[in-house]
């Protein structure tokens, strides 16, 4: 006999995303150093990787951006698009965030920061 459909829980175990803000570096006299920045971690969340959809790519190309990753985190989170996300050794800029109420998940589109 067939079983009834059961709800499958989403597992957020692909890694930890560190959300940072960019602050101006200070010298020993608390004077801001021009053009030098440091990252200060403000929060971190477990995440899972999601597939980048064609709609996401279409919207990003209109703004001359290229989305490299999409991640999902549990709950309705307040995430500022000015934050910089660090996953492993890579840094990402946030393109946009959306909340999916059926899955209770915040989805974030990321653009990789290429260091030159």
PDB file of N, CA and C in Angstrom:
ATOM      1  N   UNK A   1       0.831  -1.179   0.000  1.00  0.00           N
ATOM      2  CA  UNK A   1       0.000   0.000   0.000  1.00  0.00           C
ATOM      3  C   UNK A   1       0.880   1.248   0.000  1.00  0.00           C
ATOM      4  N   UNK A   2       0.441   2.287  -0.671  1.00  0.00           N
ATOM      5  CA  UNK A   2       1.210   3.526  -0.782  1.00  0.00           C
ATOM      6  C   UNK A   2       1.109   4.352   0.498  1.00  0.00           C
ATOM      7  N   UNK A   3       2.213   4.983   0.825  1.00  0.00           N
ATOM      8  CA  UNK A   3       2.226   5.846   2.002  1.00  0.00           C
ATOM      9  C   UNK A   3       1.703   7.225   1.640  1.00  0.00           C
ATOM     10  N   UNK A   4       1.207   7.935   2.643  1.00  0.00           N
ATOM     11  CA  UNK A   4       0.785   9.313   2.424  1.00  0.00           C
ATOM     12  C   UNK A   4       2.009  10.179   2.203  1.00  0.00           C
ATOM     13  N   UNK A   5       1.817  11.263   1.467  1.00  0.00           N
ATOM     14  CA  UNK A   5       2.922  12.185   1.238  1.00  0.00           C
ATOM     15  C   UNK A   5       3.314  12.837   2.559  1.00  0.00           C
ATOM     16  N   UNK A   6       4.593  12.903   2.782  1.00  0.00           N
ATOM     17  CA  UNK A   6       5.077  13.564   3.993  1.00  0.00           C
ATOM     18  C   UNK A   6       5.925  14.764   3.603  1.00  0.00           C
ATOM     19  N   UNK A   7       5.984  15.710   4.483  1.00  0.00           N
ATOM     20  CA  UNK A   7       6.768  16.910   4.229  1.00  0.00           C
ATOM     21  C   UNK A   7       8.237  16.583   4.450  1.00  0.00           C
ATOM     22  N   UNK A   8       9.049  16.909   3.470  1.00  0.00           N
ATOM     23  CA  UNK A   8      10.478  16.688   3.580  1.00  0.00           C
ATOM     24  C   UNK A   8      11.131  17.984   4.032  1.00  0.00           C
ATOM     25  N   UNK A   9      11.916  17.921   5.086  1.00  0.00           N
ATOM     26  CA  UNK A   9      12.576  19.118   5.599  1.00  0.00           C
ATOM     27  C   UNK A   9      13.765  19.491   4.721  1.00  0.00           C
ATOM     28  N   UNK A  10      13.919  20.786   4.492  1.00  0.00           N
ATOM     29  CA  UNK A  10      15.099  21.262   3.771  1.00  0.00           C
ATOM     30  C   UNK A  10      16.290  21.226   4.713  1.00  0.00           C
ATOM     31  N   UNK A  11      17.422  20.781   4.220  1.00  0.00           N
ATOM     32  CA  UNK A  11      18.619  20.673   5.035  1.00  0.00           C
ATOM     33  C   UNK A  11      19.590  21.770   4.611  1.00  0.00           C
ATOM     34  N   UNK A  12      19.977  22.601   5.554  1.00  0.00           N
ATOM     35  CA  UNK A  12      20.875  23.719   5.279  1.00  0.00           C
ATOM     36  C   UNK A  12      22.261  23.363   5.802  1.00  0.00           C
ATOM     37  N   UNK A  13      22.967  22.489   5.080  1.00  0.00           N
ATOM     38  CA  UNK A  13      24.270  22.019   5.562  1.00  0.00           C
ATOM     39  C   UNK A  13      25.356  22.098   4.495  1.00  0.00           C
ATOM     40  N   UNK A  14      25.194  22.974   3.508  1.00  0.00           N
ATOM     41  CA  UNK A  14      26.231  23.112   2.485  1.00  0.00           C
ATOM     42  C   UNK A  14      27.399  23.961   2.959  1.00  0.00           C
ATOM     43  N   UNK A  15      27.215  24.710   4.011  1.00  0.00           N
ATOM     44  CA  UNK A  15      28.301  25.532   4.541  1.00  0.00           C
ATOM     45  C   UNK A  15      27.767  26.685   5.366  1.00  0.00           C
ATOM     46  N   UNK A  16      28.681  27.535   5.797  1.00  0.00           N
ATOM     47  CA  UNK A  16      28.322  28.713   6.585  1.00  0.00           C
ATOM     48  C   UNK A  16      28.660  29.951   5.772  1.00  0.00           C
ATOM     49  N   UNK A  17      27.681  30.846   5.639  1.00  0.00           N
ATOM     50  CA  UNK A  17      27.888  32.115   4.939  1.00  0.00           C
ATOM     51  C   UNK A  17      28.130  33.188   5.993  1.00  0.00           C
ATOM     52  N   UNK A  18      29.264  33.874   5.879  1.00  0.00           N
ATOM     53  CA  UNK A  18      29.625  34.943   6.807  1.00  0.00           C
ATOM     54  C   UNK A  18      29.266  36.272   6.163  1.00  0.00           C
ATOM     55  N   UNK A  19      28.398  37.054   6.821  1.00  0.00           N
ATOM     56  CA  UNK A  19      27.986  38.353   6.311  1.00  0.00           C
ATOM     57  C   UNK A  19      28.832  39.428   6.993  1.00  0.00           C
ATOM     58  N   UNK A  20      29.494  40.238   6.171  1.00  0.00           N
ATOM     59  CA  UNK A  20      30.436  41.239   6.674  1.00  0.00           C
ATOM     60  C   UNK A  20      30.050  42.624   6.184  1.00  0.00           C
ATOM     61  N   UNK A  21      30.493  43.632   6.941  1.00  0.00           N
ATOM     62  CA  UNK A  21      30.376  45.012   6.477  1.00  0.00           C
ATOM     63  C   UNK A  21      31.784  45.528   6.211  1.00  0.00           C
ATOM     64  N   UNK A  22      31.879  46.459   5.291  1.00  0.00           N
ATOM     65  CA  UNK A  22      33.166  47.030   4.913  1.00  0.00           C
ATOM     66  C   UNK A  22      33.391  48.280   5.756  1.00  0.00           C
ATOM     67  N   UNK A  23      34.482  48.292   6.527  1.00  0.00           N
ATOM     68  CA  UNK A  23      34.801  49.443   7.370  1.00  0.00           C
ATOM     69  C   UNK A  23      36.144  50.013   6.961  1.00  0.00           C
ATOM     70  N   UNK A  24      36.287  51.319   7.115  1.00  0.00           N
ATOM     71  CA  UNK A  24      37.548  51.969   6.830  1.00  0.00           C
ATOM     72  C   UNK A  24      38.559  51.596   7.911  1.00  0.00           C
ATOM     73  N   UNK A  25      39.772  51.249   7.478  1.00  0.00           N
ATOM     74  CA  UNK A  25      40.833  50.904   8.426  1.00  0.00           C
ATOM     75  C   UNK A  25      41.279  52.149   9.179  1.00  0.00           C
ATOM     76  N   UNK A  26      41.631  51.956  10.448  1.00  0.00           N
ATOM     77  CA  UNK A  26      42.109  53.058  11.282  1.00  0.00           C
ATOM     78  C   UNK A  26      43.540  52.778  11.716  1.00  0.00           C
ATOM     79  N   UNK A  27      44.320  53.853  11.889  1.00  0.00           N
ATOM     80  CA  UNK A  27      45.669  53.666  12.410  1.00  0.00           C
ATOM     81  C   UNK A  27      45.639  53.708  13.937  1.00  0.00           C
ATOM     82  N   UNK A  28      46.818  53.744  14.568  1.00  0.00           N
ATOM     83  CA  UNK A  28      46.863  53.668  16.031  1.00  0.00           C
ATOM     84  C   UNK A  28      46.265  54.895  16.711  1.00  0.00           C
ATOM     85  N   UNK A  29      46.064  55.995  15.980  1.00  0.00           N
ATOM     86  CA  UNK A  29      45.456  57.209  16.538  1.00  0.00           C
ATOM     87  C   UNK A  29      43.991  57.363  16.124  1.00  0.00           C
ATOM     88  N   UNK A  30      43.397  56.275  15.622  1.00  0.00           N
ATOM     89  CA  UNK A  30      42.001  56.243  15.143  1.00  0.00           C
ATOM     90  C   UNK A  30      41.732  57.222  14.009  1.00  0.00           C
ATOM     91  N   UNK A  31      42.733  57.435  13.176  1.00  0.00           N
ATOM     92  CA  UNK A  31      42.566  58.253  11.991  1.00  0.00           C
ATOM     93  C   UNK A  31      42.250  57.324  10.822  1.00  0.00           C
ATOM     94  N   UNK A  32      41.172  57.608  10.061  1.00  0.00           N
ATOM     95  CA  UNK A  32      40.843  56.737   8.921  1.00  0.00           C
ATOM     96  C   UNK A  32      41.942  56.771   7.867  1.00  0.00           C
ATOM     97  N   UNK A  33      42.299  55.604   7.356  1.00  0.00           N
ATOM     98  CA  UNK A  33      43.284  55.481   6.294  1.00  0.00           C
ATOM     99  C   UNK A  33      42.551  55.452   4.963  1.00  0.00           C
ATOM    100  N   UNK A  34      42.864  56.372   4.090  1.00  0.00           N
ATOM    101  CA  UNK A  34      42.150  56.524   2.832  1.00  0.00           C
ATOM    102  C   UNK A  34      42.409  55.334   1.911  1.00  0.00           C
ATOM    103  N   UNK A  35      41.354  54.761   1.391  1.00  0.00           N
ATOM    104  CA  UNK A  35      41.474  53.684   0.411  1.00  0.00           C
ATOM    105  C   UNK A  35      41.763  52.311   0.997  1.00  0.00           C
ATOM    106  N   UNK A  36      41.806  52.186   2.325  1.00  0.00           N
ATOM    107  CA  UNK A  36      42.061  50.891   2.954  1.00  0.00           C
ATOM    108  C   UNK A  36      40.840  50.486   3.772  1.00  0.00           C
ATOM    109  N   UNK A  37      40.398  49.252   3.543  1.00  0.00           N
ATOM    110  CA  UNK A  37      39.195  48.758   4.191  1.00  0.00           C
ATOM    111  C   UNK A  37      39.467  47.411   4.842  1.00  0.00           C
ATOM    112  N   UNK A  38      38.632  47.076   5.812  1.00  0.00           N
ATOM    113  CA  UNK A  38      38.675  45.758   6.436  1.00  0.00           C
ATOM    114  C   UNK A  38      37.238  45.265   6.581  1.00  0.00           C
ATOM    115  N   UNK A  39      37.080  43.953   6.622  1.00  0.00           N
ATOM    116  CA  UNK A  39      35.750  43.362   6.760  1.00  0.00           C
ATOM    117  C   UNK A  39      35.486  43.022   8.219  1.00  0.00           C
ATOM    118  N   UNK A  40      34.300  43.392   8.709  1.00  0.00           N
ATOM    119  CA  UNK A  40      33.894  43.075  10.076  1.00  0.00           C
ATOM    120  C   UNK A  40      32.662  42.174   9.999  1.00  0.00           C
ATOM    121  N   UNK A  41      32.759  40.979  10.573  1.00  0.00           N
ATOM    122  CA  UNK A  41      31.649  40.021  10.518  1.00  0.00           C
ATOM    123  C   UNK A  41      30.522  40.475  11.435  1.00  0.00           C
ATOM    124  N   UNK A  42      29.291  40.501  10.891  1.00  0.00           N
ATOM    125  CA  UNK A  42      28.142  40.906  11.696  1.00  0.00           C
ATOM    126  C   UNK A  42      27.190  39.747  11.976  1.00  0.00           C
ATOM    127  N   UNK A  43      27.127  38.760  11.069  1.00  0.00           N
ATOM    128  CA  UNK A  43      26.293  37.580  11.308  1.00  0.00           C
ATOM    129  C   UNK A  43      26.740  36.451  10.406  1.00  0.00           C
ATOM    130  N   UNK A  44      26.314  35.234  10.746  1.00  0.00           N
ATOM    131  CA  UNK A  44      26.612  34.074   9.904  1.00  0.00           C
ATOM    132  C   UNK A  44      25.444  33.101   9.977  1.00  0.00           C
ATOM    133  N   UNK A  45      25.203  32.422   8.865  1.00  0.00           N
ATOM    134  CA  UNK A  45      24.076  31.492   8.759  1.00  0.00           C
ATOM    135  C   UNK A  45      24.523  30.238   8.010  1.00  0.00           C
ATOM    136  N   UNK A  46      23.906  29.111   8.371  1.00  0.00           N
ATOM    137  CA  UNK A  46      24.046  27.899   7.565  1.00  0.00           C
ATOM    138  C   UNK A  46      23.219  28.099   6.307  1.00  0.00           C
ATOM    139  N   UNK A  47      23.682  27.550   5.183  1.00  0.00           N
ATOM    140  CA  UNK A  47      22.966  27.735   3.925  1.00  0.00           C
ATOM    141  C   UNK A  47      22.969  26.452   3.114  1.00  0.00           C
ATOM    142  N   UNK A  48      22.166  26.468   2.052  1.00  0.00           N
ATOM    143  CA  UNK A  48      22.196  25.410   1.041  1.00  0.00           C
ATOM    144  C   UNK A  48      22.241  26.072  -0.319  1.00  0.00           C
ATOM    145  N   UNK A  49      22.888  25.388  -1.264  1.00  0.00           N
ATOM    146  CA  UNK A  49      22.992  25.924  -2.618  1.00  0.00           C
ATOM    147  C   UNK A  49      21.677  25.714  -3.358  1.00  0.00           C
ATOM    148  N   UNK A  50      21.283  26.690  -4.144  1.00  0.00           N
ATOM    149  CA  UNK A  50      20.096  26.620  -4.987  1.00  0.00           C
ATOM    150  C   UNK A  50      20.529  26.845  -6.431  1.00  0.00           C
ATOM    151  N   UNK A  51      19.701  26.434  -7.352  1.00  0.00           N
ATOM    152  CA  UNK A  51      19.996  26.663  -8.761  1.00  0.00           C
ATOM    153  C   UNK A  51      19.603  28.069  -9.180  1.00  0.00           C
ATOM    154  N   UNK A  52      20.441  28.701  -9.971  1.00  0.00           N
ATOM    155  CA  UNK A  52      20.142  30.037 -10.491  1.00  0.00           C
ATOM    156  C   UNK A  52      19.128  29.885 -11.616  1.00  0.00           C
ATOM    157  N   UNK A  53      18.010  30.589 -11.522  1.00  0.00           N
ATOM    158  CA  UNK A  53      16.947  30.465 -12.519  1.00  0.00           C
ATOM    159  C   UNK A  53      17.167  31.431 -13.678  1.00  0.00           C
ATOM    160  N   UNK A  54      16.470  31.187 -14.759  1.00  0.00           N
ATOM    161  CA  UNK A  54      16.577  32.039 -15.937  1.00  0.00           C
ATOM    162  C   UNK A  54      16.067  33.443 -15.636  1.00  0.00           C
ATOM    163  N   UNK A  55      15.066  33.574 -14.783  1.00  0.00           N
ATOM    164  CA  UNK A  55      14.550  34.899 -14.416  1.00  0.00           C
ATOM    165  C   UNK A  55      15.609  35.709 -13.668  1.00  0.00           C
ATOM    166  N   UNK A  56      16.354  35.050 -12.782  1.00  0.00           N
ATOM    167  CA  UNK A  56      17.429  35.737 -12.061  1.00  0.00           C
ATOM    168  C   UNK A  56      18.494  36.244 -13.023  1.00  0.00           C
ATOM    169  N   UNK A  57      18.862  35.399 -13.982  1.00  0.00           N
ATOM    170  CA  UNK A  57      19.884  35.778 -14.970  1.00  0.00           C
ATOM    171  C   UNK A  57      19.379  36.938 -15.826  1.00  0.00           C
ATOM    172  N   UNK A  58      18.125  36.890 -16.239  1.00  0.00           N
ATOM    173  CA  UNK A  58      17.535  37.938 -17.077  1.00  0.00           C
ATOM    174  C   UNK A  58      17.555  39.290 -16.359  1.00  0.00           C
ATOM    175  N   UNK A  59      17.160  39.309 -15.084  1.00  0.00           N
ATOM    176  CA  UNK A  59      17.140  40.560 -14.328  1.00  0.00           C
ATOM    177  C   UNK A  59      18.545  41.101 -14.091  1.00  0.00           C
ATOM    178  N   UNK A  60      19.499  40.218 -13.838  1.00  0.00           N
ATOM    179  CA  UNK A  60      20.870  40.648 -13.577  1.00  0.00           C
ATOM    180  C   UNK A  60      21.535  41.190 -14.840  1.00  0.00           C
ATOM    181  N   UNK A  61      21.288  40.569 -15.983  1.00  0.00           N
ATOM    182  CA  UNK A  61      21.884  41.025 -17.234  1.00  0.00           C
ATOM    183  C   UNK A  61      21.365  42.422 -17.589  1.00  0.00           C
ATOM    184  N   UNK A  62      20.133  42.729 -17.222  1.00  0.00           N
ATOM    185  CA  UNK A  62      19.584  44.061 -17.469  1.00  0.00           C
ATOM    186  C   UNK A  62      20.357  45.122 -16.684  1.00  0.00           C
ATOM    187  N   UNK A  63      20.939  44.738 -15.544  1.00  0.00           N
ATOM    188  CA  UNK A  63      21.758  45.656 -14.741  1.00  0.00           C
ATOM    189  C   UNK A  63      23.244  45.483 -15.011  1.00  0.00           C
ATOM    190  N   UNK A  64      23.599  44.729 -16.050  1.00  0.00           N
ATOM    191  CA  UNK A  64      24.984  44.463 -16.431  1.00  0.00           C
ATOM    192  C   UNK A  64      25.752  43.748 -15.319  1.00  0.00           C
ATOM    193  N   UNK A  65      25.123  42.746 -14.704  1.00  0.00           N
ATOM    194  CA  UNK A  65      25.738  41.919 -13.660  1.00  0.00           C
ATOM    195  C   UNK A  65      25.668  40.462 -14.084  1.00  0.00           C
ATOM    196  N   UNK A  66      26.473  39.609 -13.438  1.00  0.00           N
ATOM    197  CA  UNK A  66      26.460  38.164 -13.734  1.00  0.00           C
ATOM    198  C   UNK A  66      26.379  37.403 -12.423  1.00  0.00           C
ATOM    199  N   UNK A  67      25.255  36.758 -12.161  1.00  0.00           N
ATOM    200  CA  UNK A  67      25.059  36.011 -10.924  1.00  0.00           C
ATOM    201  C   UNK A  67      25.865  34.716 -10.995  1.00  0.00           C
ATOM    202  N   UNK A  68      26.651  34.449  -9.944  1.00  0.00           N
ATOM    203  CA  UNK A  68      27.485  33.252  -9.935  1.00  0.00           C
ATOM    204  C   UNK A  68      26.930  32.168  -9.022  1.00  0.00           C
ATOM    205  N   UNK A  69      26.243  32.549  -7.934  1.00  0.00           N
ATOM    206  CA  UNK A  69      25.685  31.559  -7.008  1.00  0.00           C
ATOM    207  C   UNK A  69      24.368  32.056  -6.447  1.00  0.00           C
ATOM    208  N   UNK A  70      23.574  31.081  -5.999  1.00  0.00           N
ATOM    209  CA  UNK A  70      22.333  31.387  -5.300  1.00  0.00           C
ATOM    210  C   UNK A  70      22.271  30.475  -4.087  1.00  0.00           C
ATOM    211  N   UNK A  71      22.041  31.068  -2.915  1.00  0.00           N
ATOM    212  CA  UNK A  71      21.979  30.281  -1.686  1.00  0.00           C
ATOM    213  C   UNK A  71      20.656  30.533  -0.986  1.00  0.00           C
ATOM    214  N   UNK A  72      20.248  29.575  -0.164  1.00  0.00           N
ATOM    215  CA  UNK A  72      19.035  29.700   0.621  1.00  0.00           C
ATOM    216  C   UNK A  72      19.337  29.479   2.092  1.00  0.00           C
ATOM    217  N   UNK A  73      18.705  30.297   2.950  1.00  0.00           N
ATOM    218  CA  UNK A  73      18.879  30.191   4.394  1.00  0.00           C
ATOM    219  C   UNK A  73      17.521  30.116   5.061  1.00  0.00           C
ATOM    220  N   UNK A  74      17.449  29.405   6.170  1.00  0.00           N
ATOM    221  CA  UNK A  74      16.180  29.148   6.857  1.00  0.00           C
ATOM    222  C   UNK A  74      15.647  30.411   7.519  1.00  0.00           C
ATOM    223  N   UNK A  75      14.380  30.688   7.303  1.00  0.00           N
ATOM    224  CA  UNK A  75      13.700  31.790   7.974  1.00  0.00           C
ATOM    225  C   UNK A  75      13.640  33.051   7.133  1.00  0.00           C
ATOM    226  N   UNK A  76      12.888  34.023   7.648  1.00  0.00           N
ATOM    227  CA  UNK A  76      12.761  35.329   7.010  1.00  0.00           C
ATOM    228  C   UNK A  76      13.816  36.236   7.623  1.00  0.00           C
ATOM    229  N   UNK A  77      14.952  36.381   6.949  1.00  0.00           N
ATOM    230  CA  UNK A  77      16.093  37.093   7.500  1.00  0.00           C
ATOM    231  C   UNK A  77      16.176  38.502   6.935  1.00  0.00           C
ATOM    232  N   UNK A  78      16.639  39.409   7.767  1.00  0.00           N
ATOM    233  CA  UNK A  78      16.843  40.787   7.353  1.00  0.00           C
ATOM    234  C   UNK A  78      18.291  40.925   6.884  1.00  0.00           C
ATOM    235  N   UNK A  79      18.497  40.907   5.574  1.00  0.00           N
ATOM    236  CA  UNK A  79      19.839  40.948   4.997  1.00  0.00           C
ATOM    237  C   UNK A  79      19.959  42.206   4.153  1.00  0.00           C
ATOM    238  N   UNK A  80      20.988  42.980   4.407  1.00  0.00           N
ATOM    239  CA  UNK A  80      21.242  44.211   3.671  1.00  0.00           C
ATOM    240  C   UNK A  80      22.064  43.891   2.426  1.00  0.00           C
ATOM    241  N   UNK A  81      21.714  44.490   1.297  1.00  0.00           N
ATOM    242  CA  UNK A  81      22.445  44.207   0.069  1.00  0.00           C
ATOM    243  C   UNK A  81      23.816  44.872   0.041  1.00  0.00           C
ATOM    244  N   UNK A  82      24.123  45.705   1.023  1.00  0.00           N
ATOM    245  CA  UNK A  82      25.445  46.332   1.112  1.00  0.00           C
ATOM    246  C   UNK A  82      26.466  45.398   1.759  1.00  0.00           C
ATOM    247  N   UNK A  83      26.001  44.303   2.344  1.00  0.00           N
ATOM    248  CA  UNK A  83      26.915  43.361   2.998  1.00  0.00           C
ATOM    249  C   UNK A  83      27.748  42.616   1.972  1.00  0.00           C
ATOM    250  N   UNK A  84      28.878  42.095   2.435  1.00  0.00           N
ATOM    251  CA  UNK A  84      29.741  41.241   1.614  1.00  0.00           C
ATOM    252  C   UNK A  84      29.695  39.853   2.234  1.00  0.00           C
ATOM    253  N   UNK A  85      29.431  38.837   1.414  1.00  0.00           N
ATOM    254  CA  UNK A  85      29.303  37.463   1.895  1.00  0.00           C
ATOM    255  C   UNK A  85      30.621  36.735   1.628  1.00  0.00           C
ATOM    256  N   UNK A  86      31.121  36.050   2.656  1.00  0.00           N
ATOM    257  CA  UNK A  86      32.327  35.243   2.505  1.00  0.00           C
ATOM    258  C   UNK A  86      31.945  33.785   2.687  1.00  0.00           C
ATOM    259  N   UNK A  87      32.189  32.975   1.650  1.00  0.00           N
ATOM    260  CA  UNK A  87      31.961  31.534   1.703  1.00  0.00           C
ATOM    261  C   UNK A  87      33.287  30.873   1.371  1.00  0.00           C
ATOM    262  N   UNK A  88      33.855  30.206   2.356  1.00  0.00           N
ATOM    263  CA  UNK A  88      35.187  29.632   2.165  1.00  0.00           C
ATOM    264  C   UNK A  88      36.205  30.754   2.035  1.00  0.00           C
ATOM    265  N   UNK A  89      36.942  30.766   0.919  1.00  0.00           N
ATOM    266  CA  UNK A  89      37.918  31.824   0.652  1.00  0.00           C
ATOM    267  C   UNK A  89      37.426  32.831  -0.373  1.00  0.00           C
ATOM    268  N   UNK A  90      36.179  32.701  -0.815  1.00  0.00           N
ATOM    269  CA  UNK A  90      35.644  33.568  -1.862  1.00  0.00           C
ATOM    270  C   UNK A  90      34.758  34.650  -1.264  1.00  0.00           C
ATOM    271  N   UNK A  91      34.802  35.833  -1.878  1.00  0.00           N
ATOM    272  CA  UNK A  91      33.955  36.948  -1.455  1.00  0.00           C
ATOM    273  C   UNK A  91      32.909  37.218  -2.521  1.00  0.00           C
ATOM    274  N   UNK A  92      31.687  37.519  -2.067  1.00  0.00           N
ATOM    275  CA  UNK A  92      30.568  37.762  -2.965  1.00  0.00           C
ATOM    276  C   UNK A  92      29.852  39.041  -2.575  1.00  0.00           C
ATOM    277  N   UNK A  93      29.331  39.705  -3.595  1.00  0.00           N
ATOM    278  CA  UNK A  93      28.473  40.865  -3.412  1.00  0.00           C
ATOM    279  C   UNK A  93      27.033  40.368  -3.528  1.00  0.00           C
ATOM    280  N   UNK A  94      26.128  40.927  -2.764  1.00  0.00           N
ATOM    281  CA  UNK A  94      24.723  40.504  -2.813  1.00  0.00           C
ATOM    282  C   UNK A  94      24.014  41.288  -3.910  1.00  0.00           C
ATOM    283  N   UNK A  95      23.377  40.555  -4.842  1.00  0.00           N
ATOM    284  CA  UNK A  95      22.609  41.222  -5.895  1.00  0.00           C
ATOM    285  C   UNK A  95      21.200  41.541  -5.403  1.00  0.00           C
ATOM    286  N   UNK A  96      20.492  40.532  -4.909  1.00  0.00           N
ATOM    287  CA  UNK A  96      19.171  40.759  -4.315  1.00  0.00           C
ATOM    288  C   UNK A  96      18.803  39.611  -3.383  1.00  0.00           C
ATOM    289  N   UNK A  97      17.815  39.851  -2.561  1.00  0.00           N
ATOM    290  CA  UNK A  97      17.312  38.821  -1.646  1.00  0.00           C
ATOM    291  C   UNK A  97      15.798  38.718  -1.814  1.00  0.00           C
ATOM    292  N   UNK A  98      15.283  37.502  -1.700  1.00  0.00           N
ATOM    293  CA  UNK A  98      13.837  37.280  -1.741  1.00  0.00           C
ATOM    294  C   UNK A  98      13.473  36.257  -0.674  1.00  0.00           C
ATOM    295  N   UNK A  99      12.222  36.310  -0.237  1.00  0.00           N
ATOM    296  CA  UNK A  99      11.739  35.380   0.767  1.00  0.00           C
ATOM    297  C   UNK A  99      10.674  34.489   0.149  1.00  0.00           C
ATOM    298  N   UNK A 100      10.829  33.176   0.299  1.00  0.00           N
ATOM    299  CA  UNK A 100       9.863  32.198  -0.197  1.00  0.00           C
ATOM    300  C   UNK A 100       9.061  31.715   1.010  1.00  0.00           C
ATOM    301  N   UNK A 101       7.787  32.144   1.097  1.00  0.00           N
ATOM    302  CA  UNK A 101       7.022  31.889   2.314  1.00  0.00           C
ATOM    303  C   UNK A 101       6.603  30.429   2.468  1.00  0.00           C
ATOM    304  N   UNK A 102       6.440  29.690   1.381  1.00  0.00           N
ATOM    305  CA  UNK A 102       6.054  28.279   1.518  1.00  0.00           C
ATOM    306  C   UNK A 102       7.183  27.432   2.074  1.00  0.00           C
ATOM    307  N   UNK A 103       8.409  27.752   1.666  1.00  0.00           N
ATOM    308  CA  UNK A 103       9.566  27.001   2.152  1.00  0.00           C
ATOM    309  C   UNK A 103      10.184  27.627   3.400  1.00  0.00           C
ATOM    310  N   UNK A 104       9.696  28.805   3.802  1.00  0.00           N
ATOM    311  CA  UNK A 104      10.253  29.554   4.930  1.00  0.00           C
ATOM    312  C   UNK A 104      11.762  29.714   4.749  1.00  0.00           C
ATOM    313  N   UNK A 105      12.124  30.318   3.619  1.00  0.00           N
ATOM    314  CA  UNK A 105      13.523  30.374   3.222  1.00  0.00           C
ATOM    315  C   UNK A 105      13.829  31.723   2.578  1.00  0.00           C
ATOM    316  N   UNK A 106      14.945  32.307   2.955  1.00  0.00           N
ATOM    317  CA  UNK A 106      15.430  33.529   2.325  1.00  0.00           C
ATOM    318  C   UNK A 106      16.445  33.137   1.262  1.00  0.00           C
ATOM    319  N   UNK A 107      16.217  33.590   0.024  1.00  0.00           N
ATOM    320  CA  UNK A 107      17.099  33.256  -1.081  1.00  0.00           C
ATOM    321  C   UNK A 107      17.925  34.478  -1.452  1.00  0.00           C
ATOM    322  N   UNK A 108      19.226  34.274  -1.641  1.00  0.00           N
ATOM    323  CA  UNK A 108      20.156  35.365  -1.914  1.00  0.00           C
ATOM    324  C   UNK A 108      20.911  35.064  -3.205  1.00  0.00           C
ATOM    325  N   UNK A 109      20.889  36.012  -4.139  1.00  0.00           N
ATOM    326  CA  UNK A 109      21.673  35.909  -5.371  1.00  0.00           C
ATOM    327  C   UNK A 109      23.016  36.591  -5.148  1.00  0.00           C
ATOM    328  N   UNK A 110      24.105  35.897  -5.506  1.00  0.00           N
ATOM    329  CA  UNK A 110      25.448  36.396  -5.226  1.00  0.00           C
ATOM    330  C   UNK A 110      26.239  36.616  -6.501  1.00  0.00           C
ATOM    331  N   UNK A 111      27.079  37.662  -6.480  1.00  0.00           N
ATOM    332  CA  UNK A 111      27.979  37.977  -7.581  1.00  0.00           C
ATOM    333  C   UNK A 111      29.393  37.918  -7.017  1.00  0.00           C
ATOM    334  N   UNK A 112      30.250  37.138  -7.648  1.00  0.00           N
ATOM    335  CA  UNK A 112      31.620  36.967  -7.150  1.00  0.00           C
ATOM    336  C   UNK A 112      32.423  38.243  -7.351  1.00  0.00           C
ATOM    337  N   UNK A 113      33.222  38.578  -6.335  1.00  0.00           N
ATOM    338  CA  UNK A 113      34.126  39.717  -6.408  1.00  0.00           C
ATOM    339  C   UNK A 113      35.462  39.199  -6.889  1.00  0.00           C
ATOM    340  N   UNK A 114      35.896  39.654  -8.070  1.00  0.00           N
ATOM    341  CA  UNK A 114      37.174  39.214  -8.638  1.00  0.00           C
ATOM    342  C   UNK A 114      38.249  40.165  -8.170  1.00  0.00           C
ATOM    343  N   UNK A 115      39.271  39.625  -7.539  1.00  0.00           N
ATOM    344  CA  UNK A 115      40.375  40.467  -7.082  1.00  0.00           C
ATOM    345  C   UNK A 115      41.381  40.635  -8.209  1.00  0.00           C
ATOM    346  N   UNK A 116      41.804  41.879  -8.417  1.00  0.00           N
ATOM    347  CA  UNK A 116      42.767  42.151  -9.478  1.00  0.00           C
ATOM    348  C   UNK A 116      44.094  42.593  -8.919  1.00  0.00           C
TER     349      UNK A 116
END
